[in-house]
Amino acid sequence: MENTNDNVLTATAPIRLTPGAVEQLTLIRQQENIPEEYGLRVGVKGGGCSGFTYILGFDLPQEGDDMFEVSGIKVLMNRAHAIYLLGMEIDFVNGLDNRGFKFNNPNASSTCGCGTSFTA
């Protein structure tokens, strides 16, 4: 299936969500009563101690987005961000000293200690 500017669902997702991340995202969607028309926005923005920080949150589709279905979750990504995120895995960690979403990005040449910013 080919994508157009009409936010059509595309066939190949550039990222992967682990079962733990899917479970946590589903729980957040239910607890926060997030409407079905919202998708999970995954992206990057300038800033952070390593140059880029990750964007992760529920949002409405916007112009310039590609839309994917990943493990039953509608994922939104601005086309310009794909170069930084292709092949990335998002996990959810729930340990004694670390709890939250973890980004395993093969495009990052280095990451900060907290794991939320990176250099490409």
PDB file of N, CA and C in Angstrom:
ATOM      1  N   MET A   1       0.848  -1.173   0.000  1.00  0.00           N
ATOM      2  CA  MET A   1       0.000   0.000   0.000  1.00  0.00           C
ATOM      3  C   MET A   1       0.893   1.236   0.000  1.00  0.00           C
ATOM      4  N   GLU A   2       0.615   2.164  -0.833  1.00  0.00           N
ATOM      5  CA  GLU A   2       1.431   3.368  -0.937  1.00  0.00           C
ATOM      6  C   GLU A   2       0.830   4.486  -0.100  1.00  0.00           C
ATOM      7  N   ASN A   3       1.686   5.316   0.462  1.00  0.00           N
ATOM      8  CA  ASN A   3       1.231   6.402   1.317  1.00  0.00           C
ATOM      9  C   ASN A   3       1.102   7.690   0.505  1.00  0.00           C
ATOM     10  N   THR A   4       0.116   8.493   0.864  1.00  0.00           N
ATOM     11  CA  THR A   4      -0.078   9.809   0.251  1.00  0.00           C
ATOM     12  C   THR A   4      -0.166  10.836   1.364  1.00  0.00           C
ATOM     13  N   ASN A   5      -0.401  12.083   1.007  1.00  0.00           N
ATOM     14  CA  ASN A   5      -0.548  13.136   2.011  1.00  0.00           C
ATOM     15  C   ASN A   5      -1.835  13.013   2.807  1.00  0.00           C
ATOM     16  N   ASP A   6      -2.691  12.037   2.481  1.00  0.00           N
ATOM     17  CA  ASP A   6      -3.967  11.884   3.167  1.00  0.00           C
ATOM     18  C   ASP A   6      -3.860  11.008   4.414  1.00  0.00           C
ATOM     19  N   ASN A   7      -2.660  10.832   4.939  1.00  0.00           N
ATOM     20  CA  ASN A   7      -2.439  10.039   6.146  1.00  0.00           C
ATOM     21  C   ASN A   7      -2.980   8.625   6.009  1.00  0.00           C
ATOM     22  N   VAL A   8      -2.672   7.977   4.906  1.00  0.00           N
ATOM     23  CA  VAL A   8      -3.075   6.600   4.653  1.00  0.00           C
ATOM     24  C   VAL A   8      -2.122   5.668   5.386  1.00  0.00           C
ATOM     25  N   LEU A   9      -2.665   4.597   5.934  1.00  0.00           N
ATOM     26  CA  LEU A   9      -1.856   3.600   6.618  1.00  0.00           C
ATOM     27  C   LEU A   9      -0.901   2.950   5.630  1.00  0.00           C
ATOM     28  N   THR A  10       0.394   2.924   5.953  1.00  0.00           N
ATOM     29  CA  THR A  10       1.381   2.315   5.067  1.00  0.00           C
ATOM     30  C   THR A  10       1.701   0.908   5.545  1.00  0.00           C
ATOM     31  N   ALA A  11       2.292   0.121   4.667  1.00  0.00           N
ATOM     32  CA  ALA A  11       2.501  -1.294   4.935  1.00  0.00           C
ATOM     33  C   ALA A  11       3.711  -1.576   5.824  1.00  0.00           C
ATOM     34  N   THR A  12       4.813  -0.915   5.616  1.00  0.00           N
ATOM     35  CA  THR A  12       6.044  -1.236   6.321  1.00  0.00           C
ATOM     36  C   THR A  12       6.344  -0.205   7.401  1.00  0.00           C
ATOM     37  N   ALA A  13       6.405  -0.657   8.645  1.00  0.00           N
ATOM     38  CA  ALA A  13       6.671   0.249   9.763  1.00  0.00           C
ATOM     39  C   ALA A  13       8.173   0.396   9.953  1.00  0.00           C
ATOM     40  N   PRO A  14       8.656   1.618  10.174  1.00  0.00           N
ATOM     41  CA  PRO A  14      10.088   1.843  10.354  1.00  0.00           C
ATOM     42  C   PRO A  14      10.577   1.561  11.771  1.00  0.00           C
ATOM     43  N   ILE A  15       9.643   1.378  12.717  1.00  0.00           N
ATOM     44  CA  ILE A  15      10.031   1.129  14.105  1.00  0.00           C
ATOM     45  C   ILE A  15       9.373  -0.155  14.596  1.00  0.00           C
ATOM     46  N   ARG A  16       9.831  -0.603  15.765  1.00  0.00           N
ATOM     47  CA  ARG A  16       9.262  -1.792  16.397  1.00  0.00           C
ATOM     48  C   ARG A  16       8.916  -1.453  17.838  1.00  0.00           C
ATOM     49  N   LEU A  17       7.800  -1.984  18.329  1.00  0.00           N
ATOM     50  CA  LEU A  17       7.388  -1.842  19.724  1.00  0.00           C
ATOM     51  C   LEU A  17       7.470  -3.212  20.382  1.00  0.00           C
ATOM     52  N   THR A  18       8.141  -3.298  21.526  1.00  0.00           N
ATOM     53  CA  THR A  18       8.205  -4.567  22.241  1.00  0.00           C
ATOM     54  C   THR A  18       6.849  -4.838  22.900  1.00  0.00           C
ATOM     55  N   PRO A  19       6.596  -6.088  23.288  1.00  0.00           N
ATOM     56  CA  PRO A  19       5.341  -6.386  23.994  1.00  0.00           C
ATOM     57  C   PRO A  19       5.155  -5.537  25.255  1.00  0.00           C
ATOM     58  N   GLY A  20       6.227  -5.271  25.981  1.00  0.00           N
ATOM     59  CA  GLY A  20       6.129  -4.420  27.176  1.00  0.00           C
ATOM     60  C   GLY A  20       5.704  -3.002  26.848  1.00  0.00           C
ATOM     61  N   ALA A  21       6.220  -2.457  25.744  1.00  0.00           N
ATOM     62  CA  ALA A  21       5.842  -1.105  25.321  1.00  0.00           C
ATOM     63  C   ALA A  21       4.380  -1.080  24.880  1.00  0.00           C
ATOM     64  N   VAL A  22       3.952  -2.091  24.125  1.00  0.00           N
ATOM     65  CA  VAL A  22       2.552  -2.164  23.673  1.00  0.00           C
ATOM     66  C   VAL A  22       1.618  -2.236  24.866  1.00  0.00           C
ATOM     67  N   GLU A  23       1.960  -3.059  25.850  1.00  0.00           N
ATOM     68  CA  GLU A  23       1.135  -3.188  27.048  1.00  0.00           C
ATOM     69  C   GLU A  23       1.018  -1.857  27.783  1.00  0.00           C
ATOM     70  N   GLN A  24       2.135  -1.160  27.964  1.00  0.00           N
ATOM     71  CA  GLN A  24       2.126   0.119  28.678  1.00  0.00           C
ATOM     72  C   GLN A  24       1.370   1.190  27.890  1.00  0.00           C
ATOM     73  N   LEU A  25       1.570   1.245  26.577  1.00  0.00           N
ATOM     74  CA  LEU A  25       0.870   2.236  25.746  1.00  0.00           C
ATOM     75  C   LEU A  25      -0.634   1.994  25.747  1.00  0.00           C
ATOM     76  N   THR A  26      -1.038   0.731  25.716  1.00  0.00           N
ATOM     77  CA  THR A  26      -2.459   0.389  25.772  1.00  0.00           C
ATOM     78  C   THR A  26      -3.049   0.809  27.104  1.00  0.00           C
ATOM     79  N   LEU A  27      -2.312   0.590  28.174  1.00  0.00           N
ATOM     80  CA  LEU A  27      -2.754   0.993  29.507  1.00  0.00           C
ATOM     81  C   LEU A  27      -2.895   2.517  29.603  1.00  0.00           C
ATOM     82  N   ILE A  28      -1.919   3.247  29.081  1.00  0.00           N
ATOM     83  CA  ILE A  28      -1.971   4.718  29.087  1.00  0.00           C
ATOM     84  C   ILE A  28      -3.180   5.203  28.305  1.00  0.00           C
ATOM     85  N   ARG A  29      -3.410   4.616  27.120  1.00  0.00           N
ATOM     86  CA  ARG A  29      -4.559   5.016  26.289  1.00  0.00           C
ATOM     87  C   ARG A  29      -5.861   4.826  27.062  1.00  0.00           C
ATOM     88  N   GLN A  30      -5.991   3.708  27.768  1.00  0.00           N
ATOM     89  CA  GLN A  30      -7.214   3.430  28.530  1.00  0.00           C
ATOM     90  C   GLN A  30      -7.349   4.363  29.732  1.00  0.00           C
ATOM     91  N   GLN A  31      -6.276   4.532  30.496  1.00  0.00           N
ATOM     92  CA  GLN A  31      -6.328   5.360  31.710  1.00  0.00           C
ATOM     93  C   GLN A  31      -6.597   6.829  31.396  1.00  0.00           C
ATOM     94  N   GLU A  32      -6.055   7.302  30.290  1.00  0.00           N
ATOM     95  CA  GLU A  32      -6.202   8.713  29.925  1.00  0.00           C
ATOM     96  C   GLU A  32      -7.390   8.961  28.997  1.00  0.00           C
ATOM     97  N   ASN A  33      -8.153   7.904  28.669  1.00  0.00           N
ATOM     98  CA  ASN A  33      -9.304   8.005  27.769  1.00  0.00           C
ATOM     99  C   ASN A  33      -8.948   8.701  26.456  1.00  0.00           C
ATOM    100  N   ILE A  34      -7.864   8.271  25.839  1.00  0.00           N
ATOM    101  CA  ILE A  34      -7.395   8.878  24.591  1.00  0.00           C
ATOM    102  C   ILE A  34      -8.270   8.370  23.448  1.00  0.00           C
ATOM    103  N   PRO A  35      -8.878   9.283  22.679  1.00  0.00           N
ATOM    104  CA  PRO A  35      -9.784   8.883  21.595  1.00  0.00           C
ATOM    105  C   PRO A  35      -9.090   8.043  20.524  1.00  0.00           C
ATOM    106  N   GLU A  36      -9.853   7.195  19.863  1.00  0.00           N
ATOM    107  CA  GLU A  36      -9.335   6.280  18.843  1.00  0.00           C
ATOM    108  C   GLU A  36      -8.685   7.000  17.668  1.00  0.00           C
ATOM    109  N   GLU A  37      -9.132   8.222  17.346  1.00  0.00           N
ATOM    110  CA  GLU A  37      -8.554   8.931  16.201  1.00  0.00           C
ATOM    111  C   GLU A  37      -7.112   9.392  16.449  1.00  0.00           C
ATOM    112  N   TYR A  38      -6.689   9.344  17.693  1.00  0.00           N
ATOM    113  CA  TYR A  38      -5.312   9.697  18.038  1.00  0.00           C
ATOM    114  C   TYR A  38      -4.402   8.502  17.778  1.00  0.00           C
ATOM    115  N   GLY A  39      -3.195   8.797  17.320  1.00  0.00           N
ATOM    116  CA  GLY A  39      -2.184   7.771  17.144  1.00  0.00           C
ATOM    117  C   GLY A  39      -0.992   8.095  18.023  1.00  0.00           C
ATOM    118  N   LEU A  40      -0.078   7.163  18.105  1.00  0.00           N
ATOM    119  CA  LEU A  40       1.142   7.360  18.876  1.00  0.00           C
ATOM    120  C   LEU A  40       2.149   8.101  18.006  1.00  0.00           C
ATOM    121  N   ARG A  41       2.475   9.335  18.374  1.00  0.00           N
ATOM    122  CA  ARG A  41       3.467  10.103  17.626  1.00  0.00           C
ATOM    123  C   ARG A  41       4.857   9.731  18.120  1.00  0.00           C
ATOM    124  N   VAL A  42       5.694   9.315  17.153  1.00  0.00           N
ATOM    125  CA  VAL A  42       7.092   9.008  17.418  1.00  0.00           C
ATOM    126  C   VAL A  42       7.910   9.940  16.543  1.00  0.00           C
ATOM    127  N   GLY A  43       8.846  10.658  17.143  1.00  0.00           N
ATOM    128  CA  GLY A  43       9.640  11.604  16.370  1.00  0.00           C
ATOM    129  C   GLY A  43      10.862  12.060  17.131  1.00  0.00           C
ATOM    130  N   VAL A  44      11.502  13.075  16.588  1.00  0.00           N
ATOM    131  CA  VAL A  44      12.681  13.672  17.212  1.00  0.00           C
ATOM    132  C   VAL A  44      12.540  15.188  17.179  1.00  0.00           C
ATOM    133  N   LYS A  45      13.254  15.841  18.077  1.00  0.00           N
ATOM    134  CA  LYS A  45      13.366  17.298  18.042  1.00  0.00           C
ATOM    135  C   LYS A  45      14.754  17.669  18.532  1.00  0.00           C
ATOM    136  N   GLY A  46      15.211  18.826  18.131  1.00  0.00           N
ATOM    137  CA  GLY A  46      16.519  19.297  18.558  1.00  0.00           C
ATOM    138  C   GLY A  46      16.527  19.582  20.040  1.00  0.00           C
ATOM    139  N   GLY A  47      17.643  19.279  20.683  1.00  0.00           N
ATOM    140  CA  GLY A  47      17.770  19.559  22.114  1.00  0.00           C
ATOM    141  C   GLY A  47      18.310  18.368  22.855  1.00  0.00           C
ATOM    142  N   GLY A  48      18.350  18.483  24.145  1.00  0.00           N
ATOM    143  CA  GLY A  48      18.889  17.402  24.966  1.00  0.00           C
ATOM    144  C   GLY A  48      20.394  17.511  25.045  1.00  0.00           C
ATOM    145  N   CYS A  49      20.981  16.703  25.888  1.00  0.00           N
ATOM    146  CA  CYS A  49      22.426  16.799  26.103  1.00  0.00           C
ATOM    147  C   CYS A  49      23.229  16.191  24.963  1.00  0.00           C
ATOM    148  N   SER A  50      22.580  15.441  24.051  1.00  0.00           N
ATOM    149  CA  SER A  50      23.317  14.826  22.948  1.00  0.00           C
ATOM    150  C   SER A  50      22.911  15.347  21.567  1.00  0.00           C
ATOM    151  N   GLY A  51      22.008  16.303  21.480  1.00  0.00           N
ATOM    152  CA  GLY A  51      21.658  16.890  20.188  1.00  0.00           C
ATOM    153  C   GLY A  51      20.212  16.728  19.785  1.00  0.00           C
ATOM    154  N   PHE A  52      19.639  15.522  19.923  1.00  0.00           N
ATOM    155  CA  PHE A  52      18.240  15.261  19.601  1.00  0.00           C
ATOM    156  C   PHE A  52      17.573  14.597  20.793  1.00  0.00           C
ATOM    157  N   THR A  53      16.283  14.874  20.987  1.00  0.00           N
ATOM    158  CA  THR A  53      15.495  14.148  21.969  1.00  0.00           C
ATOM    159  C   THR A  53      14.336  13.475  21.244  1.00  0.00           C
ATOM    160  N   TYR A  54      13.829  12.425  21.850  1.00  0.00           N
ATOM    161  CA  TYR A  54      12.728  11.679  21.252  1.00  0.00           C
ATOM    162  C   TYR A  54      11.393  12.318  21.610  1.00  0.00           C
ATOM    163  N   ILE A  55      10.446  12.205  20.690  1.00  0.00           N
ATOM    164  CA  ILE A  55       9.060  12.600  20.909  1.00  0.00           C
ATOM    165  C   ILE A  55       8.258  11.308  20.992  1.00  0.00           C
ATOM    166  N   LEU A  56       7.456  11.158  22.023  1.00  0.00           N
ATOM    167  CA  LEU A  56       6.604   9.987  22.176  1.00  0.00           C
ATOM    168  C   LEU A  56       5.351  10.422  22.915  1.00  0.00           C
ATOM    169  N   GLY A  57       4.211  10.356  22.251  1.00  0.00           N
ATOM    170  CA  GLY A  57       2.956  10.741  22.874  1.00  0.00           C
ATOM    171  C   GLY A  57       1.816  10.606  21.886  1.00  0.00           C
ATOM    172  N   PHE A  58       0.600  10.609  22.388  1.00  0.00           N
ATOM    173  CA  PHE A  58      -0.569  10.463  21.523  1.00  0.00           C
ATOM    174  C   PHE A  58      -0.934  11.814  20.925  1.00  0.00           C
ATOM    175  N   ASP A  59      -1.303  11.788  19.635  1.00  0.00           N
ATOM    176  CA  ASP A  59      -1.541  13.018  18.883  1.00  0.00           C
ATOM    177  C   ASP A  59      -2.470  12.704  17.709  1.00  0.00           C
ATOM    178  N   LEU A  60      -3.043  13.747  17.137  1.00  0.00           N
ATOM    179  CA  LEU A  60      -3.831  13.612  15.916  1.00  0.00           C
ATOM    180  C   LEU A  60      -2.895  13.632  14.706  1.00  0.00           C
ATOM    181  N   PRO A  61      -3.259  12.939  13.621  1.00  0.00           N
ATOM    182  CA  PRO A  61      -2.438  12.994  12.407  1.00  0.00           C
ATOM    183  C   PRO A  61      -2.315  14.431  11.904  1.00  0.00           C
ATOM    184  N   GLN A  62      -1.130  14.761  11.369  1.00  0.00           N
ATOM    185  CA  GLN A  62      -0.866  16.093  10.830  1.00  0.00           C
ATOM    186  C   GLN A  62      -0.341  15.969   9.407  1.00  0.00           C
ATOM    187  N   GLU A  63      -0.390  17.072   8.678  1.00  0.00           N
ATOM    188  CA  GLU A  63       0.145  17.074   7.326  1.00  0.00           C
ATOM    189  C   GLU A  63       1.637  16.722   7.388  1.00  0.00           C
ATOM    190  N   GLY A  64       2.084  15.882   6.470  1.00  0.00           N
ATOM    191  CA  GLY A  64       3.474  15.464   6.445  1.00  0.00           C
ATOM    192  C   GLY A  64       3.745  14.202   7.238  1.00  0.00           C
ATOM    193  N   ASP A  65       2.703  13.627   7.859  1.00  0.00           N
ATOM    194  CA  ASP A  65       2.866  12.400   8.628  1.00  0.00           C
ATOM    195  C   ASP A  65       2.739  11.174   7.738  1.00  0.00           C
ATOM    196  N   ASP A  66       3.480  10.150   8.087  1.00  0.00           N
ATOM    197  CA  ASP A  66       3.226   8.801   7.606  1.00  0.00           C
ATOM    198  C   ASP A  66       2.551   8.087   8.761  1.00  0.00           C
ATOM    199  N   MET A  67       1.669   7.136   8.429  1.00  0.00           N
ATOM    200  CA  MET A  67       0.937   6.404   9.450  1.00  0.00           C
ATOM    201  C   MET A  67       1.213   4.913   9.268  1.00  0.00           C
ATOM    202  N   PHE A  68       1.495   4.229  10.372  1.00  0.00           N
ATOM    203  CA  PHE A  68       1.824   2.814  10.359  1.00  0.00           C
ATOM    204  C   PHE A  68       1.015   2.115  11.440  1.00  0.00           C
ATOM    205  N   GLU A  69       0.820   0.824  11.283  1.00  0.00           N
ATOM    206  CA  GLU A  69       0.277   0.037  12.381  1.00  0.00           C
ATOM    207  C   GLU A  69       1.398  -0.857  12.885  1.00  0.00           C
ATOM    208  N   VAL A  70       1.697  -0.720  14.168  1.00  0.00           N
ATOM    209  CA  VAL A  70       2.769  -1.491  14.792  1.00  0.00           C
ATOM    210  C   VAL A  70       2.169  -2.228  15.987  1.00  0.00           C
ATOM    211  N   SER A  71       2.102  -3.536  15.894  1.00  0.00           N
ATOM    212  CA  SER A  71       1.573  -4.366  16.990  1.00  0.00           C
ATOM    213  C   SER A  71       0.197  -3.891  17.453  1.00  0.00           C
ATOM    214  N   GLY A  72      -0.655  -3.509  16.496  1.00  0.00           N
ATOM    215  CA  GLY A  72      -2.010  -3.077  16.816  1.00  0.00           C
ATOM    216  C   GLY A  72      -2.143  -1.624  17.225  1.00  0.00           C
ATOM    217  N   ILE A  73      -1.057  -0.873  17.223  1.00  0.00           N
ATOM    218  CA  ILE A  73      -1.086   0.543  17.603  1.00  0.00           C
ATOM    219  C   ILE A  73      -0.829   1.398  16.367  1.00  0.00           C
ATOM    220  N   LYS A  74      -1.696   2.399  16.160  1.00  0.00           N
ATOM    221  CA  LYS A  74      -1.497   3.338  15.056  1.00  0.00           C
ATOM    222  C   LYS A  74      -0.356   4.280  15.433  1.00  0.00           C
ATOM    223  N   VAL A  75       0.687   4.298  14.612  1.00  0.00           N
ATOM    224  CA  VAL A  75       1.876   5.115  14.868  1.00  0.00           C
ATOM    225  C   VAL A  75       1.957   6.212  13.822  1.00  0.00           C
ATOM    226  N   LEU A  76       2.187   7.438  14.273  1.00  0.00           N
ATOM    227  CA  LEU A  76       2.344   8.605  13.405  1.00  0.00           C
ATOM    228  C   LEU A  76       3.795   9.055  13.440  1.00  0.00           C
ATOM    229  N   MET A  77       4.335   9.379  12.257  1.00  0.00           N
ATOM    230  CA  MET A  77       5.713   9.863  12.197  1.00  0.00           C
ATOM    231  C   MET A  77       5.839  10.861  11.055  1.00  0.00           C
ATOM    232  N   ASN A  78       6.385  12.021  11.353  1.00  0.00           N
ATOM    233  CA  ASN A  78       6.679  12.988  10.309  1.00  0.00           C
ATOM    234  C   ASN A  78       7.711  12.370   9.375  1.00  0.00           C
ATOM    235  N   ARG A  79       7.478  12.476   8.072  1.00  0.00           N
ATOM    236  CA  ARG A  79       8.384  11.864   7.090  1.00  0.00           C
ATOM    237  C   ARG A  79       9.833  12.275   7.280  1.00  0.00           C
ATOM    238  N   ALA A  80      10.068  13.517   7.672  1.00  0.00           N
ATOM    239  CA  ALA A  80      11.432  14.022   7.827  1.00  0.00           C
ATOM    240  C   ALA A  80      12.176  13.354   8.980  1.00  0.00           C
ATOM    241  N   HIS A  81      11.451  12.725   9.904  1.00  0.00           N
ATOM    242  CA  HIS A  81      12.084  12.104  11.068  1.00  0.00           C
ATOM    243  C   HIS A  81      12.532  10.671  10.796  1.00  0.00           C
ATOM    244  N   ALA A  82      12.049  10.076   9.720  1.00  0.00           N
ATOM    245  CA  ALA A  82      12.327   8.663   9.445  1.00  0.00           C
ATOM    246  C   ALA A  82      13.816   8.364   9.363  1.00  0.00           C
ATOM    247  N   ILE A  83      14.606   9.268   8.822  1.00  0.00           N
ATOM    248  CA  ILE A  83      16.048   9.036   8.684  1.00  0.00           C
ATOM    249  C   ILE A  83      16.710   8.814  10.043  1.00  0.00           C
ATOM    250  N   TYR A  84      16.163   9.407  11.097  1.00  0.00           N
ATOM    251  CA  TYR A  84      16.730   9.272  12.440  1.00  0.00           C
ATOM    252  C   TYR A  84      16.168   8.078  13.207  1.00  0.00           C
ATOM    253  N   LEU A  85      15.024   7.548  12.741  1.00  0.00           N
ATOM    254  CA  LEU A  85      14.312   6.546  13.531  1.00  0.00           C
ATOM    255  C   LEU A  85      14.210   5.171  12.876  1.00  0.00           C
ATOM    256  N   LEU A  86      14.598   5.036  11.634  1.00  0.00           N
ATOM    257  CA  LEU A  86      14.464   3.779  10.909  1.00  0.00           C
ATOM    258  C   LEU A  86      15.159   2.639  11.653  1.00  0.00           C
ATOM    259  N   GLY A  87      14.415   1.593  11.952  1.00  0.00           N
ATOM    260  CA  GLY A  87      14.969   0.434  12.640  1.00  0.00           C
ATOM    261  C   GLY A  87      14.948   0.524  14.156  1.00  0.00           C
ATOM    262  N   MET A  88      14.415   1.593  14.711  1.00  0.00           N
ATOM    263  CA  MET A  88      14.413   1.788  16.156  1.00  0.00           C
ATOM    264  C   MET A  88      13.411   0.862  16.841  1.00  0.00           C
ATOM    265  N   GLU A  89      13.767   0.421  18.043  1.00  0.00           N
ATOM    266  CA  GLU A  89      12.883  -0.375  18.883  1.00  0.00           C
ATOM    267  C   GLU A  89      12.555   0.443  20.130  1.00  0.00           C
ATOM    268  N   ILE A  90      11.278   0.474  20.481  1.00  0.00           N
ATOM    269  CA  ILE A  90      10.842   1.142  21.707  1.00  0.00           C
ATOM    270  C   ILE A  90      10.403   0.064  22.683  1.00  0.00           C
ATOM    271  N   ASP A  91      10.978   0.105  23.876  1.00  0.00           N
ATOM    272  CA  ASP A  91      10.699  -0.872  24.919  1.00  0.00           C
ATOM    273  C   ASP A  91      10.195  -0.130  26.149  1.00  0.00           C
ATOM    274  N   PHE A  92       9.590  -0.850  27.071  1.00  0.00           N
ATOM    275  CA  PHE A  92       9.230  -0.276  28.364  1.00  0.00           C
ATOM    276  C   PHE A  92       9.949  -1.059  29.439  1.00  0.00           C
ATOM    277  N   VAL A  93      10.715  -0.347  30.268  1.00  0.00           N
ATOM    278  CA  VAL A  93      11.512  -0.950  31.332  1.00  0.00           C
ATOM    279  C   VAL A  93      10.843  -0.641  32.656  1.00  0.00           C
ATOM    280  N   ASN A  94      10.730  -1.651  33.505  1.00  0.00           N
ATOM    281  CA  ASN A  94      10.115  -1.457  34.817  1.00  0.00           C
ATOM    282  C   ASN A  94      10.989  -2.137  35.869  1.00  0.00           C
ATOM    283  N   GLY A  95      12.164  -1.543  36.101  1.00  0.00           N
ATOM    284  CA  GLY A  95      13.116  -2.114  37.045  1.00  0.00           C
ATOM    285  C   GLY A  95      13.205  -1.308  38.316  1.00  0.00           C
ATOM    286  N   LEU A  96      14.055  -1.753  39.215  1.00  0.00           N
ATOM    287  CA  LEU A  96      14.229  -1.064  40.497  1.00  0.00           C
ATOM    288  C   LEU A  96      14.837   0.321  40.327  1.00  0.00           C
ATOM    289  N   ASP A  97      15.801   0.450  39.431  1.00  0.00           N
ATOM    290  CA  ASP A  97      16.489   1.733  39.274  1.00  0.00           C
ATOM    291  C   ASP A  97      16.125   2.469  37.989  1.00  0.00           C
ATOM    292  N   ASN A  98      15.232   1.901  37.190  1.00  0.00           N
ATOM    293  CA  ASN A  98      14.876   2.540  35.927  1.00  0.00           C
ATOM    294  C   ASN A  98      13.469   2.116  35.529  1.00  0.00           C
ATOM    295  N   ARG A  99      12.608   3.098  35.264  1.00  0.00           N
ATOM    296  CA  ARG A  99      11.248   2.811  34.826  1.00  0.00           C
ATOM    297  C   ARG A  99      10.886   3.811  33.746  1.00  0.00           C
ATOM    298  N   GLY A 100      10.456   3.310  32.599  1.00  0.00           N
ATOM    299  CA  GLY A 100      10.021   4.181  31.527  1.00  0.00           C
ATOM    300  C   GLY A 100      10.311   3.585  30.163  1.00  0.00           C
ATOM    301  N   PHE A 101      10.046   4.375  29.142  1.00  0.00           N
ATOM    302  CA  PHE A 101      10.267   3.924  27.780  1.00  0.00           C
ATOM    303  C   PHE A 101      11.747   4.017  27.448  1.00  0.00           C
ATOM    304  N   LYS A 102      12.240   3.008  26.760  1.00  0.00           N
ATOM    305  CA  LYS A 102      13.646   2.936  26.373  1.00  0.00           C
ATOM    306  C   LYS A 102      13.704   2.875  24.847  1.00  0.00           C
ATOM    307  N   PHE A 103      14.584   3.687  24.270  1.00  0.00           N
ATOM    308  CA  PHE A 103      14.732   3.777  22.821  1.00  0.00           C
ATOM    309  C   PHE A 103      16.033   3.105  22.401  1.00  0.00           C
ATOM    310  N   ASN A 104      15.922   2.037  21.631  1.00  0.00           N
ATOM    311  CA  ASN A 104      17.082   1.330  21.099  1.00  0.00           C
ATOM    312  C   ASN A 104      17.198   1.719  19.628  1.00  0.00           C
ATOM    313  N   ASN A 105      18.051   2.701  19.349  1.00  0.00           N
ATOM    314  CA  ASN A 105      18.117   3.313  18.025  1.00  0.00           C
ATOM    315  C   ASN A 105      19.446   2.979  17.340  1.00  0.00           C
ATOM    316  N   PRO A 106      19.409   2.188  16.253  1.00  0.00           N
ATOM    317  CA  PRO A 106      20.645   1.844  15.549  1.00  0.00           C
ATOM    318  C   PRO A 106      21.272   3.027  14.805  1.00  0.00           C
ATOM    319  N   ASN A 107      20.538   4.127  14.655  1.00  0.00           N
ATOM    320  CA  ASN A 107      21.035   5.314  13.952  1.00  0.00           C
ATOM    321  C   ASN A 107      21.781   6.269  14.865  1.00  0.00           C
ATOM    322  N   ALA A 108      21.725   6.028  16.163  1.00  0.00           N
ATOM    323  CA  ALA A 108      22.379   6.916  17.129  1.00  0.00           C
ATOM    324  C   ALA A 108      23.860   6.577  17.215  1.00  0.00           C
ATOM    325  N   SER A 109      24.705   7.567  16.963  1.00  0.00           N
ATOM    326  CA  SER A 109      26.152   7.340  17.095  1.00  0.00           C
ATOM    327  C   SER A 109      26.575   7.408  18.558  1.00  0.00           C
ATOM    328  N   SER A 110      25.803   8.125  19.376  1.00  0.00           N
ATOM    329  CA  SER A 110      26.024   8.140  20.823  1.00  0.00           C
ATOM    330  C   SER A 110      24.726   8.556  21.493  1.00  0.00           C
ATOM    331  N   THR A 111      24.566   8.176  22.755  1.00  0.00           N
ATOM    332  CA  THR A 111      23.384   8.544  23.526  1.00  0.00           C
ATOM    333  C   THR A 111      23.831   9.120  24.860  1.00  0.00           C
ATOM    334  N   CYS A 112      22.921   9.835  25.488  1.00  0.00           N
ATOM    335  CA  CYS A 112      23.235  10.383  26.807  1.00  0.00           C
ATOM    336  C   CYS A 112      23.020   9.308  27.865  1.00  0.00           C
ATOM    337  N   GLY A 113      23.405   9.584  29.062  1.00  0.00           N
ATOM    338  CA  GLY A 113      23.274   8.630  30.155  1.00  0.00           C
ATOM    339  C   GLY A 113      21.835   8.264  30.466  1.00  0.00           C
ATOM    340  N   CYS A 114      20.921   9.200  30.287  1.00  0.00           N
ATOM    341  CA  CYS A 114      19.517   8.900  30.606  1.00  0.00           C
ATOM    342  C   CYS A 114      18.815   8.172  29.464  1.00  0.00           C
ATOM    343  N   GLY A 115      19.410   8.152  28.262  1.00  0.00           N
ATOM    344  CA  GLY A 115      18.840   7.412  27.140  1.00  0.00           C
ATOM    345  C   GLY A 115      17.730   8.112  26.399  1.00  0.00           C
ATOM    346  N   THR A 116      17.473   9.392  26.718  1.00  0.00           N
ATOM    347  CA  THR A 116      16.384  10.102  26.041  1.00  0.00           C
ATOM    348  C   THR A 116      16.882  11.067  24.978  1.00  0.00           C
ATOM    349  N   SER A 117      18.194  11.232  24.824  1.00  0.00           N
ATOM    350  CA  SER A 117      18.715  12.056  23.741  1.00  0.00           C
ATOM    351  C   SER A 117      19.868  11.331  23.078  1.00  0.00           C
ATOM    352  N   PHE A 118      20.153  11.739  21.832  1.00  0.00           N
ATOM    353  CA  PHE A 118      21.154  11.034  21.050  1.00  0.00           C
ATOM    354  C   PHE A 118      21.774  11.932  20.015  1.00  0.00           C
ATOM    355  N   THR A 119      22.892  11.477  19.467  1.00  0.00           N
ATOM    356  CA  THR A 119      23.574  12.114  18.352  1.00  0.00           C
ATOM    357  C   THR A 119      23.478  11.179  17.160  1.00  0.00           C
ATOM    358  N   ALA A 120      23.165  11.737  16.009  1.00  0.00           N
ATOM    359  CA  ALA A 120      23.052  10.901  14.793  1.00  0.00           C
ATOM    360  C   ALA A 120      24.261  11.113  13.907  1.00  0.00           C
TER     361      ALA A 120
END
